[in-house]
Amino acid sequence: MSQPSPAAHARDLLSKLGVPALPADAGQPVRGPIDGQVLTHVTFDDAREIGAKVSEARHAFETWRTVPAPRRGELVRLFGEELRAAKADLAALVTLEAGKIASEAAGEVQEMIDICDFAVGLSRQLHGLTIASERPGHAMRETWHPLGPVAVISAFNFPVAVWAWNACLALVCGDPVIWKPSEKTPLTALATHAILQRALDRFEDAPDGLCAVIQGGRDAGERLARDPRIALVSATGSTRMGRAVAPLVAARFGRSILELGGNNAMIVTPSADLSLALRAIVFSAAGTAGQRCTSLRRLIVHESLVDKVADAVDAAFQRLPVGDPREITTLLGPLIDKSAYDAFVEAMNQVRAEGGTVSGGERLLIDQHPDAFYVRPALARLAAPAPCMQRETFAPLLHVVPYSDFDEAVAIQNDVPQGLSSCIMTNDVREAEAFLSAAGSDCGIANVNIGP
């Protein structure tokens, strides 16, 4: 099926989603990963505009915090309805701007709808405790109050869902939301805000400035982090970004939520269902071109199976259809940009320098898309854990190492500075329970017989 150019496709989708026409050649260029060409341009907010939006959010807070929580939940319910109506078009825009295959993009928008449903229920459950007191005739009551304006700084790889997870909960809790999307994916933010505006119009009495979008780069995010009028900063991105944001918020005794990188591992034990494991490995390592915070990056396989499993993964990587993520047959789209590709190449070179071997990893479709970065997933085989495994590379690079006993496997799993998601493939209930125990995985997410 012939596809329109990404730029023409983006213009059509933005119009259908209700985004006012954007400048064709003025402002900051927005490049799409499908062909590396400019989709359109956006205008970054300057310091005065950022300050004005924060002031509006602060004024909105004075009104919104007094609205009953179930009524606040009604706004989120209306937003969920609007998202359902716009799901296909918003998902298509996610594919154009972030490079996700169509099914993953649709899944991301569904996550937005799901959190709307959850938040609506939460709006009727913001209850506290009544606590006994040692004082006669006295009890203590716990009550949760709105916090204030919340800034959400999101990353390119989940350009809309991460904002929704934060925003829907913040809105029912009585907090205005200011969104600073990644400068790599500003269009999906504009489209989401246009959808939200339709819900606000139907709601009728929401205060001005309740929700805003700020376009900009690192300086815009740092300005929000420093602003004492922002009660909480929720930032998703790299550990480098987190190290920049956290001290700025802490310096003013503000609150922060940081969802940063991951270096996620899977342990494959002798009792594992290898067919199930192979499907989990390929999807979690290559899905979204390895650009998820929960992507599988380390594969720890029992020494009796390591060659068999590695060979099967290598063969599966070679068979994956790579190409335009809008095509239904494509399972692997492009990396977001050249910097991601350069980091991928650098990481593979580090593996080789440390004695490992790498299969796959070649750049593809250069003739058709010389300015885009499609790659074959890479499998790095190592005889033992190496320093290269300590880093997170946001690309489809999977490191494989053997282990001899279960305790060694858990030790390898935990021996990285990052901790996000983990998994074990086993049919031994004792191994599963040990992995989930306090002495097992040190990650916040621990899965059994499913990828990270």
Protein backbone atom coordinates (compact mmCIF):
# COMPACT_ATOMS: atom_id res chain seq x y z
CA MET A 1 0.00 0.00 0.00
CA SER A 2 1.39 3.39 -1.03
CA GLN A 3 1.65 5.84 1.85
CA PRO A 4 1.52 9.64 1.61
CA SER A 5 4.64 11.55 2.53
CA PRO A 6 4.99 11.84 6.31
CA ALA A 7 4.79 15.64 6.08
CA ALA A 8 1.54 15.60 4.10
CA HIS A 9 0.16 12.87 6.35
CA ALA A 10 1.02 14.91 9.45
CA ARG A 11 -0.67 18.04 8.11
CA ASP A 12 -3.82 16.07 7.38
CA LEU A 13 -3.89 14.44 10.82
CA LEU A 14 -3.22 17.69 12.67
CA SER A 15 -6.11 19.32 10.82
CA LYS A 16 -8.47 16.43 11.60
CA LEU A 17 -7.44 16.52 15.26
CA GLY A 18 -8.21 20.23 15.52
CA VAL A 19 -4.71 21.69 15.71
CA PRO A 20 -4.51 25.17 14.12
CA ALA A 21 -2.28 25.41 11.05
CA LEU A 22 1.42 25.47 11.92
CA PRO A 23 4.10 27.48 10.08
CA ALA A 24 5.58 25.62 7.13
CA ASP A 25 9.02 27.21 7.33
CA ALA A 26 9.33 29.34 10.47
CA GLY A 27 10.25 28.33 14.00
CA GLN A 28 11.76 25.05 15.16
CA PRO A 29 11.71 22.21 12.62
CA VAL A 30 10.04 18.96 13.64
CA ARG A 31 11.61 16.01 11.83
CA GLY A 32 9.82 12.70 11.48
CA PRO A 33 11.83 9.49 11.96
CA ILE A 34 10.15 7.68 9.04
CA ASP A 35 12.10 9.60 6.39
CA GLY A 36 14.09 12.11 8.45
CA GLN A 37 12.40 15.03 6.71
CA VAL A 38 10.72 18.06 8.28
CA LEU A 39 7.08 17.46 9.12
CA THR A 40 6.35 21.06 10.07
CA HIS A 41 7.60 23.77 12.43
CA VAL A 42 6.61 24.82 15.95
CA THR A 43 7.29 27.95 17.94
CA PHE A 44 9.11 27.56 21.24
CA ASP A 45 7.80 29.48 24.26
CA ASP A 46 10.09 32.18 25.59
CA ALA A 47 10.67 32.99 29.26
CA ARG A 48 7.83 35.49 29.37
CA GLU A 49 5.34 33.05 27.85
CA ILE A 50 6.40 30.26 30.20
CA GLY A 51 6.02 32.56 33.18
CA ALA A 52 2.56 33.64 32.02
CA LYS A 53 1.37 30.02 31.67
CA VAL A 54 2.64 29.20 35.16
CA SER A 55 0.81 32.26 36.53
CA GLU A 56 -2.40 31.17 34.81
CA ALA A 57 -2.04 27.69 36.28
CA ARG A 58 -1.56 29.17 39.73
CA HIS A 59 -4.75 31.22 39.38
CA ALA A 60 -6.61 28.18 38.04
CA PHE A 61 -5.54 26.22 41.10
CA GLU A 62 -7.35 28.62 43.41
CA THR A 63 -10.63 27.68 41.72
CA TRP A 64 -10.02 24.06 40.72
CA ARG A 65 -9.04 22.93 44.22
CA THR A 66 -12.51 23.88 45.48
CA VAL A 67 -14.38 21.89 42.82
CA PRO A 68 -15.65 18.58 44.29
CA ALA A 69 -13.45 15.69 43.25
CA PRO A 70 -16.25 13.73 41.51
CA ARG A 71 -16.98 16.84 39.45
CA ARG A 72 -13.31 17.07 38.55
CA GLY A 73 -13.55 13.44 37.53
CA GLU A 74 -16.29 14.37 35.08
CA LEU A 75 -13.78 16.40 33.08
CA VAL A 76 -11.52 13.38 32.82
CA ARG A 77 -14.49 11.20 31.82
CA LEU A 78 -15.27 13.63 28.99
CA PHE A 79 -11.63 13.58 27.95
CA GLY A 80 -11.76 9.78 27.77
CA GLU A 81 -14.76 10.04 25.46
CA GLU A 82 -12.95 12.47 23.19
CA LEU A 83 -9.89 10.21 23.12
CA ARG A 84 -12.01 7.26 22.06
CA ALA A 85 -13.38 9.28 19.15
CA ALA A 86 -9.90 10.46 18.11
CA LYS A 87 -7.96 7.27 18.88
CA ALA A 88 -7.14 6.25 15.31
CA ASP A 89 -5.96 9.70 14.22
CA LEU A 90 -3.92 10.37 17.35
CA ALA A 91 -2.29 6.93 17.10
CA ALA A 92 -1.40 7.62 13.47
CA LEU A 93 0.26 10.87 14.53
CA VAL A 94 2.24 9.02 17.23
CA THR A 95 3.49 6.68 14.50
CA LEU A 96 4.53 9.59 12.29
CA GLU A 97 6.30 11.56 14.99
CA ALA A 98 7.78 8.83 17.22
CA GLY A 99 8.19 6.02 14.67
CA LYS A 100 6.15 3.42 16.56
CA ILE A 101 4.49 0.70 14.55
CA ALA A 102 0.73 1.15 14.21
CA SER A 103 -0.27 -1.46 16.80
CA GLU A 104 2.05 0.00 19.44
CA ALA A 105 0.84 3.53 18.75
CA ALA A 106 -2.79 2.43 19.10
CA GLY A 107 -1.84 0.68 22.33
CA GLU A 108 -0.32 3.87 23.68
CA VAL A 109 -3.50 5.86 23.05
CA GLN A 110 -5.50 3.04 24.66
CA GLU A 111 -3.33 3.51 27.75
CA MET A 112 -4.51 7.12 27.85
CA ILE A 113 -8.13 5.95 27.70
CA ASP A 114 -7.50 3.37 30.41
CA ILE A 115 -5.99 5.92 32.82
CA CYS A 116 -9.02 8.16 32.23
CA ASP A 117 -11.26 5.33 33.41
CA PHE A 118 -9.03 4.69 36.42
CA ALA A 119 -8.88 8.38 37.36
CA VAL A 120 -12.66 8.79 37.13
CA GLY A 121 -13.08 5.98 39.67
CA LEU A 122 -10.36 7.51 41.84
CA SER A 123 -12.25 10.81 41.93
CA ARG A 124 -14.80 9.15 44.22
CA GLN A 125 -12.19 7.43 46.39
CA LEU A 126 -9.97 10.26 47.66
CA HIS A 127 -10.61 9.21 51.23
CA GLY A 128 -8.36 9.30 54.26
CA LEU A 129 -8.14 7.49 57.59
CA THR A 130 -9.69 8.17 60.95
CA ILE A 131 -6.96 7.45 63.47
CA ALA A 132 -7.37 6.69 67.17
CA SER A 133 -5.78 9.14 69.59
CA GLU A 134 -4.51 8.73 73.15
CA ARG A 135 -6.44 11.89 74.09
CA PRO A 136 -9.93 11.24 75.52
CA GLY A 137 -12.81 12.23 73.26
CA HIS A 138 -10.43 12.93 70.39
CA ALA A 139 -9.61 11.36 67.03
CA MET A 140 -7.33 12.34 64.19
CA ARG A 141 -8.58 12.62 60.61
CA GLU A 142 -6.41 12.21 57.53
CA THR A 143 -7.48 14.38 54.58
CA TRP A 144 -5.77 14.67 51.21
CA HIS A 145 -5.70 18.19 49.74
CA PRO A 146 -4.73 19.39 46.25
CA LEU A 147 -1.05 20.18 45.92
CA GLY A 148 -0.82 22.90 43.27
CA PRO A 149 0.28 23.22 39.64
CA VAL A 150 2.05 20.11 38.34
CA ALA A 151 4.66 20.25 35.56
CA VAL A 152 4.94 17.15 33.39
CA ILE A 153 8.14 16.76 31.36
CA SER A 154 7.76 13.83 28.96
CA ALA A 155 10.05 11.91 26.61
CA PHE A 156 9.75 11.12 22.91
CA ASN A 157 9.27 7.36 23.24
CA PHE A 158 5.87 7.57 24.93
CA PRO A 159 4.86 11.01 23.70
CA VAL A 160 1.25 11.00 24.95
CA ALA A 161 0.65 8.18 27.47
CA VAL A 162 3.12 9.42 30.09
CA TRP A 163 1.48 12.84 30.15
CA ALA A 164 -1.95 11.21 30.49
CA TRP A 165 -0.84 9.04 33.42
CA ASN A 166 0.20 12.18 35.26
CA ALA A 167 -2.41 14.63 34.03
CA CYS A 168 -5.55 12.55 34.63
CA LEU A 169 -4.55 11.83 38.21
CA ALA A 170 -3.49 15.43 38.82
CA LEU A 171 -6.77 16.81 37.49
CA VAL A 172 -8.99 14.65 39.69
CA CYS A 173 -6.77 15.52 42.66
CA GLY A 174 -7.38 19.23 42.04
CA ASP A 175 -4.09 20.19 40.41
CA PRO A 176 -3.59 22.15 37.14
CA VAL A 177 -1.15 20.63 34.66
CA ILE A 178 1.60 22.23 32.56
CA TRP A 179 3.11 19.94 29.93
CA LYS A 180 6.60 20.29 28.47
CA PRO A 181 6.81 17.54 25.82
CA SER A 182 10.03 16.38 24.24
CA GLU A 183 11.21 18.76 21.55
CA LYS A 184 11.39 15.66 19.33
CA THR A 185 7.63 15.02 19.61
CA PRO A 186 5.80 18.34 20.02
CA LEU A 187 3.00 17.63 17.53
CA THR A 188 1.36 14.85 19.48
CA ALA A 189 1.25 17.19 22.48
CA LEU A 190 -0.54 19.85 20.45
CA ALA A 191 -2.99 17.27 19.15
CA THR A 192 -3.66 15.87 22.63
CA HIS A 193 -4.26 19.36 23.96
CA ALA A 194 -6.73 20.04 21.15
CA ILE A 195 -8.61 16.86 22.11
CA LEU A 196 -8.56 17.92 25.77
CA GLN A 197 -9.87 21.35 24.80
CA ARG A 198 -12.98 19.73 23.36
CA ALA A 199 -13.57 18.06 26.71
CA LEU A 200 -13.01 21.38 28.49
CA ASP A 201 -15.55 23.05 26.21
CA ARG A 202 -18.11 20.38 27.05
CA PHE A 203 -17.31 20.65 30.76
CA GLU A 204 -18.05 24.39 30.46
CA ASP A 205 -16.84 25.80 33.79
CA ALA A 206 -13.17 24.80 34.08
CA PRO A 207 -10.93 27.77 34.92
CA ASP A 208 -8.67 29.25 32.26
CA GLY A 209 -5.11 27.99 32.47
CA LEU A 210 -6.08 24.62 33.95
CA CYS A 211 -4.03 22.80 31.31
CA ALA A 212 -1.24 24.21 29.18
CA VAL A 213 1.48 23.09 26.80
CA ILE A 214 4.93 24.66 26.80
CA GLN A 215 7.10 24.00 23.77
CA GLY A 216 10.83 24.19 24.24
CA GLY A 217 14.09 22.45 24.89
CA ARG A 218 16.16 21.82 27.96
CA ASP A 219 16.01 25.45 29.08
CA ALA A 220 12.21 25.33 29.24
CA GLY A 221 12.30 22.23 31.41
CA GLU A 222 14.87 23.78 33.73
CA ARG A 223 12.77 26.94 34.04
CA LEU A 224 9.80 24.86 35.20
CA ALA A 225 12.01 22.90 37.61
CA ARG A 226 13.24 26.13 39.21
CA ASP A 227 9.85 27.86 39.47
CA PRO A 228 8.61 27.86 43.11
CA ARG A 229 5.01 28.17 41.88
CA ILE A 230 5.22 24.61 40.52
CA ALA A 231 4.31 22.29 43.39
CA LEU A 232 5.49 19.09 41.73
CA VAL A 233 7.62 18.23 38.72
CA SER A 234 7.07 14.82 37.15
CA ALA A 235 9.86 14.14 34.66
CA THR A 236 10.35 11.14 32.42
CA GLY A 237 13.51 10.66 30.36
CA SER A 238 17.16 9.77 30.60
CA THR A 239 19.20 9.56 33.77
CA ARG A 240 21.13 12.57 32.47
CA MET A 241 17.90 14.55 32.39
CA GLY A 242 17.01 13.36 35.89
CA ARG A 243 20.36 14.48 37.25
CA ALA A 244 19.69 17.94 35.81
CA VAL A 245 16.09 18.29 37.00
CA ALA A 246 16.22 16.76 40.49
CA PRO A 247 18.73 19.19 42.07
CA LEU A 248 16.86 22.20 40.69
CA VAL A 249 13.59 21.06 42.25
CA ALA A 250 15.26 19.99 45.49
CA ALA A 251 17.07 23.33 45.82
CA ARG A 252 13.69 25.01 46.40
CA PHE A 253 12.35 22.08 48.46
CA GLY A 254 9.88 21.23 45.73
CA ARG A 255 8.57 17.75 45.02
CA SER A 256 9.58 15.59 42.10
CA ILE A 257 8.66 12.28 40.51
CA LEU A 258 11.39 10.89 38.26
CA GLU A 259 10.90 7.98 35.86
CA LEU A 260 14.30 7.56 34.25
CA GLY A 261 16.26 4.86 32.46
CA GLY A 262 16.24 1.10 32.86
CA ASN A 263 18.70 -1.69 32.19
CA ASN A 264 16.23 -4.51 32.25
CA ALA A 265 17.16 -8.20 32.38
CA MET A 266 15.56 -11.59 31.79
CA ILE A 267 16.75 -14.80 33.42
CA VAL A 268 16.07 -17.94 31.37
CA THR A 269 16.29 -21.05 33.54
CA PRO A 270 16.65 -24.72 32.51
CA SER A 271 12.94 -25.35 33.18
CA ALA A 272 11.74 -22.43 31.04
CA ASP A 273 9.28 -22.80 28.18
CA LEU A 274 11.69 -21.76 25.43
CA SER A 275 8.97 -21.03 22.87
CA LEU A 276 7.33 -18.61 25.30
CA ALA A 277 10.70 -17.15 26.23
CA LEU A 278 11.68 -16.52 22.61
CA ARG A 279 8.51 -14.54 21.90
CA ALA A 280 9.00 -12.50 25.07
CA ILE A 281 12.66 -11.82 24.28
CA VAL A 282 12.10 -10.65 20.72
CA PHE A 283 9.17 -8.38 21.51
CA SER A 284 10.72 -6.82 24.60
CA ALA A 285 14.18 -6.32 23.05
CA ALA A 286 13.17 -5.16 19.56
CA GLY A 287 9.76 -3.57 20.14
CA THR A 288 9.71 0.23 19.71
CA ALA A 289 13.19 -0.27 18.22
CA GLY A 290 14.52 -0.84 21.73
CA GLN A 291 13.47 2.66 22.75
CA ARG A 292 11.34 1.82 25.78
CA CYS A 293 12.48 2.39 29.34
CA THR A 294 11.36 -1.22 29.91
CA SER A 295 13.09 -2.66 26.84
CA LEU A 296 15.00 -5.89 27.44
CA ARG A 297 18.73 -5.12 27.37
CA ARG A 298 20.33 -8.05 29.21
CA LEU A 299 19.58 -11.76 28.72
CA ILE A 300 20.97 -14.09 31.40
CA VAL A 301 20.66 -17.72 30.24
CA HIS A 302 21.64 -20.95 31.95
CA GLU A 303 24.90 -22.25 30.52
CA SER A 304 23.22 -25.42 29.25
CA LEU A 305 20.88 -23.36 27.05
CA VAL A 306 22.75 -20.16 26.24
CA ASP A 307 23.91 -21.10 22.74
CA LYS A 308 20.53 -22.55 21.76
CA VAL A 309 18.64 -19.50 23.00
CA ALA A 310 21.09 -17.01 21.52
CA ASP A 311 20.96 -18.72 18.12
CA ALA A 312 17.15 -18.67 18.16
CA VAL A 313 17.03 -14.97 19.09
CA ASP A 314 19.61 -14.13 16.42
CA ALA A 315 17.55 -15.91 13.78
CA ALA A 316 14.36 -14.18 14.91
CA PHE A 317 16.06 -10.78 14.77
CA GLN A 318 17.13 -11.48 11.20
CA ARG A 319 13.55 -12.28 10.19
CA LEU A 320 11.89 -9.20 11.69
CA PRO A 321 10.25 -7.01 9.01
CA VAL A 322 11.84 -3.55 9.23
CA GLY A 323 10.35 -0.53 7.50
CA ASP A 324 7.74 2.20 7.43
CA PRO A 325 5.86 1.80 10.74
CA ARG A 326 2.59 2.74 9.06
CA GLU A 327 2.61 -0.52 7.11
CA ILE A 328 0.69 -3.29 8.83
CA THR A 329 3.41 -5.86 8.04
CA THR A 330 6.17 -3.83 9.71
CA LEU A 331 7.26 -5.00 13.15
CA LEU A 332 10.27 -2.72 13.61
CA GLY A 333 10.27 0.97 12.77
CA PRO A 334 13.11 3.51 12.82
CA LEU A 335 15.25 4.92 15.57
CA ILE A 336 14.15 8.41 16.49
CA ASP A 337 17.14 10.22 14.96
CA LYS A 338 20.86 10.19 14.15
CA SER A 339 21.96 10.67 17.74
CA ALA A 340 20.16 7.45 18.68
CA TYR A 341 21.88 5.63 15.82
CA ASP A 342 25.29 6.99 16.82
CA ALA A 343 24.77 5.78 20.40
CA PHE A 344 23.79 2.36 19.04
CA VAL A 345 26.98 2.10 16.99
CA GLU A 346 29.10 3.28 19.90
CA ALA A 347 27.58 0.65 22.21
CA MET A 348 28.24 -2.16 19.72
CA ASN A 349 31.84 -1.01 19.36
CA GLN A 350 32.22 -1.10 23.14
CA VAL A 351 31.00 -4.71 23.20
CA ARG A 352 33.63 -5.69 20.63
CA ALA A 353 36.35 -3.79 22.49
CA GLU A 354 35.51 -5.78 25.63
CA GLY A 355 35.82 -9.15 23.90
CA GLY A 356 32.23 -9.76 22.88
CA THR A 357 30.82 -10.53 19.45
CA VAL A 358 27.92 -8.72 17.78
CA SER A 359 25.57 -10.04 15.12
CA GLY A 360 23.08 -7.80 13.38
CA GLY A 361 23.07 -4.07 14.04
CA GLU A 362 23.50 -3.01 10.43
CA ARG A 363 21.77 0.09 9.09
CA LEU A 364 18.95 -0.67 6.64
CA LEU A 365 16.91 1.09 3.93
CA ILE A 366 19.58 3.72 3.32
CA ASP A 367 18.75 4.06 -0.37
CA GLN A 368 15.05 4.70 0.26
CA HIS A 369 15.51 6.85 3.37
CA PRO A 370 19.03 8.30 3.55
CA ASP A 371 18.05 10.69 6.37
CA ALA A 372 16.26 8.09 8.50
CA PHE A 373 17.80 5.43 10.72
CA TYR A 374 16.42 1.93 10.35
CA VAL A 375 18.52 -0.84 11.89
CA ARG A 376 18.60 -4.58 12.35
CA PRO A 377 18.41 -5.53 16.06
CA ALA A 378 21.81 -6.52 17.44
CA LEU A 379 22.73 -9.47 19.63
CA ALA A 380 25.89 -9.11 21.73
CA ARG A 381 27.33 -12.37 23.05
CA LEU A 382 29.63 -12.19 26.07
CA ALA A 383 31.35 -14.97 28.01
CA ALA A 384 30.79 -13.11 31.29
CA PRO A 385 29.32 -9.79 32.47
CA ALA A 386 31.30 -6.82 31.16
CA PRO A 387 31.30 -3.04 31.67
CA CYS A 388 29.33 -2.55 28.46
CA MET A 389 26.34 -4.13 30.22
CA GLN A 390 26.30 -1.37 32.81
CA ARG A 391 25.04 1.27 30.39
CA GLU A 392 21.58 1.77 28.97
CA THR A 393 21.54 2.15 25.19
CA PHE A 394 18.22 3.34 23.82
CA ALA A 395 18.31 1.04 20.80
CA PRO A 396 17.67 -2.64 19.95
CA LEU A 397 20.89 -4.04 21.46
CA LEU A 398 20.58 -7.18 23.58
CA HIS A 399 23.50 -8.52 25.65
CA VAL A 400 23.57 -12.29 26.34
CA VAL A 401 25.61 -13.92 29.13
CA PRO A 402 25.57 -17.43 30.66
CA TYR A 403 25.10 -18.33 34.31
CA SER A 404 25.70 -21.57 36.19
CA ASP A 405 23.46 -21.41 39.28
CA PHE A 406 20.38 -19.45 40.29
CA ASP A 407 22.08 -17.21 42.86
CA GLU A 408 24.64 -16.17 40.25
CA ALA A 409 21.85 -15.26 37.82
CA VAL A 410 20.13 -13.03 40.38
CA ALA A 411 23.46 -11.41 41.25
CA ILE A 412 24.09 -10.59 37.57
CA GLN A 413 20.54 -9.27 37.25
CA ASN A 414 21.03 -6.90 40.20
CA ASP A 415 24.57 -5.81 39.37
CA VAL A 416 23.75 -2.64 37.44
CA PRO A 417 23.10 0.90 38.72
CA GLN A 418 19.68 1.09 37.09
CA GLY A 419 16.62 -0.64 38.49
CA LEU A 420 13.28 -0.59 36.71
CA SER A 421 11.90 -3.86 35.35
CA SER A 422 12.99 -7.50 35.39
CA CYS A 423 11.69 -10.96 34.59
CA ILE A 424 12.36 -14.66 34.89
CA MET A 425 11.30 -17.47 32.57
CA THR A 426 10.86 -20.61 34.66
CA ASN A 427 8.46 -23.45 35.39
CA ASP A 428 10.01 -23.99 38.82
CA VAL A 429 7.79 -22.34 41.43
CA ARG A 430 10.68 -22.19 43.90
CA GLU A 431 12.75 -20.13 41.47
CA ALA A 432 9.80 -17.87 40.73
CA GLU A 433 9.15 -17.23 44.42
CA ALA A 434 12.85 -16.63 45.11
CA PHE A 435 13.02 -14.13 42.24
CA LEU A 436 10.03 -12.20 43.64
CA SER A 437 11.33 -12.24 47.20
CA ALA A 438 13.35 -9.62 49.04
CA ALA A 439 16.47 -11.59 48.16
CA GLY A 440 15.54 -11.73 44.47
CA SER A 441 15.15 -8.99 41.88
CA ASP A 442 15.92 -5.50 43.16
CA CYS A 443 13.75 -3.84 40.51
CA GLY A 444 10.44 -2.13 41.10
CA ILE A 445 8.83 -4.46 38.56
CA ALA A 446 9.46 -8.21 38.68
CA ASN A 447 7.66 -10.47 36.19
CA VAL A 448 7.36 -14.24 35.87
CA ASN A 449 7.03 -15.83 32.42
CA ILE A 450 6.50 -12.54 30.63
CA GLY A 451 8.96 -9.94 29.35
CA PRO A 452 9.87 -6.78 31.24
